[in-house]
Amino acid sequence: MLVSIGSRSIPKITAITRAFSRYPELWVDKHDKIEYIIMPKEVRNDEKIGQDKDNFSGVSCNPLTLEETISGAKNRAKNAFEHAEERCRHM
């Protein structure tokens, strides 16, 4: 099972890995292992120093509104899925 994590937050990554380890019945095959991939940090040359915008979510690192929070979550989920798809194609 491949789990693509759309965050680089250590507490979020820890929570996700713990949750999956506690529910092995969610795995497709009991002999299968779980592989986690975490979104890599992209560095853009045009990014200004001190700019707090995450490239994967497309919103600020500290969203101020509910709309920005939801938009960032949707973008991260979409990008995590596409990142996992790309990785699977190259396996």
C-alpha atoms as a PDB file:
ATOM      1  CA  MET A   1       0.000   0.000   0.000  1.00  0.00           C
ATOM      2  CA  LEU A   2       1.324   3.389  -0.938  1.00  0.00           C
ATOM      3  CA  VAL A   3       0.320   6.341   1.235  1.00  0.00           C
ATOM      4  CA  SER A   4       1.170   9.745  -0.166  1.00  0.00           C
ATOM      5  CA  ILE A   5       1.301  12.367   2.570  1.00  0.00           C
ATOM      6  CA  GLY A   6       0.561  15.892   1.362  1.00  0.00           C
ATOM      7  CA  SER A   7       2.381  17.555   4.240  1.00  0.00           C
ATOM      8  CA  ARG A   8       5.898  17.983   5.562  1.00  0.00           C
ATOM      9  CA  SER A   9       4.685  18.585   9.118  1.00  0.00           C
ATOM     10  CA  ILE A  10       6.338  16.085  11.476  1.00  0.00           C
ATOM     11  CA  PRO A  11       3.298  15.850  13.824  1.00  0.00           C
ATOM     12  CA  LYS A  12       0.985  15.203  10.857  1.00  0.00           C
ATOM     13  CA  ILE A  13       3.311  12.577   9.366  1.00  0.00           C
ATOM     14  CA  THR A  14       3.618  10.869  12.761  1.00  0.00           C
ATOM     15  CA  ALA A  15      -0.167  10.830  13.227  1.00  0.00           C
ATOM     16  CA  ILE A  16      -0.736   9.329   9.774  1.00  0.00           C
ATOM     17  CA  THR A  17       1.875   6.592  10.193  1.00  0.00           C
ATOM     18  CA  ARG A  18       0.564   5.711  13.667  1.00  0.00           C
ATOM     19  CA  ALA A  19      -3.024   5.571  12.446  1.00  0.00           C
ATOM     20  CA  PHE A  20      -2.196   3.172   9.607  1.00  0.00           C
ATOM     21  CA  SER A  21      -0.063   0.971  11.858  1.00  0.00           C
ATOM     22  CA  ARG A  22      -2.969   0.544  14.299  1.00  0.00           C
ATOM     23  CA  TYR A  23      -5.441  -0.649  11.656  1.00  0.00           C
ATOM     24  CA  PRO A  24      -3.788  -3.415   9.612  1.00  0.00           C
ATOM     25  CA  GLU A  25      -7.232  -4.562   8.424  1.00  0.00           C
ATOM     26  CA  LEU A  26      -7.234  -1.514   6.142  1.00  0.00           C
ATOM     27  CA  TRP A  27      -4.355  -2.925   4.146  1.00  0.00           C
ATOM     28  CA  VAL A  28      -5.251  -4.669   0.922  1.00  0.00           C
ATOM     29  CA  ASP A  29      -3.136  -7.739   1.667  1.00  0.00           C
ATOM     30  CA  LYS A  30      -2.080  -8.870   5.144  1.00  0.00           C
ATOM     31  CA  HIS A  31       1.432  -9.588   3.818  1.00  0.00           C
ATOM     32  CA  ASP A  32       1.649  -6.209   2.144  1.00  0.00           C
ATOM     33  CA  LYS A  33       3.751  -3.455   3.620  1.00  0.00           C
ATOM     34  CA  ILE A  34       2.924   0.219   3.771  1.00  0.00           C
ATOM     35  CA  GLU A  35       5.196   2.641   2.000  1.00  0.00           C
ATOM     36  CA  TYR A  36       4.879   6.314   2.846  1.00  0.00           C
ATOM     37  CA  ILE A  37       5.979   9.073   0.523  1.00  0.00           C
ATOM     38  CA  ILE A  38       6.169  12.642   1.702  1.00  0.00           C
ATOM     39  CA  MET A  39       5.869  15.673  -0.523  1.00  0.00           C
ATOM     40  CA  PRO A  40       9.345  16.968  -1.355  1.00  0.00           C
ATOM     41  CA  LYS A  41      10.137  20.594  -0.678  1.00  0.00           C
ATOM     42  CA  GLU A  42      10.327  22.450  -3.966  1.00  0.00           C
ATOM     43  CA  VAL A  43      12.607  25.415  -4.266  1.00  0.00           C
ATOM     44  CA  ARG A  44      11.663  28.073  -6.748  1.00  0.00           C
ATOM     45  CA  ASN A  45      14.220  30.539  -8.041  1.00  0.00           C
ATOM     46  CA  ASP A  46      11.677  33.356  -8.233  1.00  0.00           C
ATOM     47  CA  GLU A  47      10.639  32.934  -4.599  1.00  0.00           C
ATOM     48  CA  LYS A  48      11.355  35.957  -2.453  1.00  0.00           C
ATOM     49  CA  ILE A  49      13.110  35.539   0.867  1.00  0.00           C
ATOM     50  CA  GLY A  50      10.591  35.489   3.694  1.00  0.00           C
ATOM     51  CA  GLN A  51       7.669  34.644   1.434  1.00  0.00           C
ATOM     52  CA  ASP A  52       5.469  32.234   3.363  1.00  0.00           C
ATOM     53  CA  LYS A  53       3.710  30.510   0.475  1.00  0.00           C
ATOM     54  CA  ASP A  54       3.730  26.743   0.181  1.00  0.00           C
ATOM     55  CA  ASN A  55       4.224  25.513  -3.390  1.00  0.00           C
ATOM     56  CA  PHE A  56       2.117  22.367  -2.944  1.00  0.00           C
ATOM     57  CA  SER A  57      -0.914  23.996  -1.378  1.00  0.00           C
ATOM     58  CA  GLY A  58      -0.798  27.266  -3.319  1.00  0.00           C
ATOM     59  CA  VAL A  59      -1.771  29.197  -0.187  1.00  0.00           C
ATOM     60  CA  SER A  60       0.164  30.804   2.649  1.00  0.00           C
ATOM     61  CA  CYS A  61       1.789  28.533   5.223  1.00  0.00           C
ATOM     62  CA  ASN A  62      -0.528  30.043   7.843  1.00  0.00           C
ATOM     63  CA  PRO A  63      -3.906  30.478   6.125  1.00  0.00           C
ATOM     64  CA  LEU A  64      -6.083  33.172   7.642  1.00  0.00           C
ATOM     65  CA  THR A  65      -9.511  32.199   6.327  1.00  0.00           C
ATOM     66  CA  LEU A  66     -11.560  29.027   6.135  1.00  0.00           C
ATOM     67  CA  GLU A  67     -11.697  29.341   2.344  1.00  0.00           C
ATOM     68  CA  GLU A  68      -7.886  29.518   2.140  1.00  0.00           C
ATOM     69  CA  THR A  69      -7.567  26.516   4.491  1.00  0.00           C
ATOM     70  CA  ILE A  70      -9.977  24.418   2.404  1.00  0.00           C
ATOM     71  CA  SER A  71      -8.359  25.471  -0.864  1.00  0.00           C
ATOM     72  CA  GLY A  72      -4.904  24.556   0.464  1.00  0.00           C
ATOM     73  CA  ALA A  73      -6.099  21.163   1.716  1.00  0.00           C
ATOM     74  CA  LYS A  74      -7.689  20.343  -1.652  1.00  0.00           C
ATOM     75  CA  ASN A  75      -4.554  21.419  -3.518  1.00  0.00           C
ATOM     76  CA  ARG A  76      -2.287  19.349  -1.245  1.00  0.00           C
ATOM     77  CA  ALA A  77      -4.501  16.262  -1.644  1.00  0.00           C
ATOM     78  CA  LYS A  78      -4.537  16.647  -5.429  1.00  0.00           C
ATOM     79  CA  ASN A  79      -0.775  17.177  -5.580  1.00  0.00           C
ATOM     80  CA  ALA A  80      -0.095  14.241  -3.237  1.00  0.00           C
ATOM     81  CA  PHE A  81      -2.216  11.989  -5.462  1.00  0.00           C
ATOM     82  CA  GLU A  82      -0.453  13.173  -8.623  1.00  0.00           C
ATOM     83  CA  HIS A  83       2.953  12.732  -6.953  1.00  0.00           C
ATOM     84  CA  ALA A  84       2.059   9.135  -6.016  1.00  0.00           C
ATOM     85  CA  GLU A  85       0.744   8.434  -9.536  1.00  0.00           C
ATOM     86  CA  GLU A  86       3.977   9.720 -11.047  1.00  0.00           C
ATOM     87  CA  ARG A  87       6.044   7.603  -8.700  1.00  0.00           C
ATOM     88  CA  CYS A  88       4.017   4.474  -9.505  1.00  0.00           C
ATOM     89  CA  ARG A  89       4.523   5.049 -13.234  1.00  0.00           C
ATOM     90  CA  HIS A  90       8.288   4.946 -12.737  1.00  0.00           C
ATOM     91  CA  MET A  91       8.272   1.736 -10.666  1.00  0.00           C
END
